[in-house]
Amino acid sequence: GYIGSHMALGLLDRGEDVVVIDNLVTGIAAQVPAGAVFAQGDIRDQALVRRLLDDHRIDAVVHFAGSTVVPESVANPLKYYANNTAATRDLLEVCTAAGVDKVIFSSTAAVYGVTDADLIDENAEKAPASPYGRSKLMSEAMLADLAAATPLRYVALRYFNVAGADPQQRTGQSTPGATHLIKRA
């Protein structure tokens, strides 16, 4: 996906080994950087995820998989709870069983809902206004609960509209149906 391709490039540039799993529902195989191992599949496929974790001795997971279109989440909330929340639960179960204790989770600023504040502090009240925001907040709750019960350490990234291209022009926005203003511009 868009953000994942930037992360993969950044990790590869630092000399890290990178394994990418993407079902290509919205991702583009050509955006998987050379040098990364690519597995086309879904994070809900626990056997596939476990095999990748074991075969590549993965010690940290960066989870960018998910659906992100707010109006679609309102029209089809079950898709968002399945793809964002239930899939995260399945991924975390496999990671925990494999001993992976570091997770970076791609959440969203939509967990804060609608606010009049000019700046939103990460400790601001969470009041998601859509199934998309709620699905991400539920995943954050799972991470917090799992971290309280296991050695898991995690961070949840809550960003607004991400945009931009790699300075070396290796990746950038290419989603034909982009809905975010900056990406569309």
Foldseek 3Di string as FASTA:
>chain_A
DFVVLVVQVVCVVVVHAAEDEACPPQDDPLSNDPRHHYDNDALLPLVVLLCVCVVVVDQEEEDPWADDDFVVCQVPVVRRLVRQAVSLVSNVVSCVVSVRAEYEYEAALLQQPDDPDPDDDPPHDGDHPGSNNVSRVNSVVVQVVVVVVDVHDYHYDHYYDDADADPVRSHGDDRPPDDDPVSVD
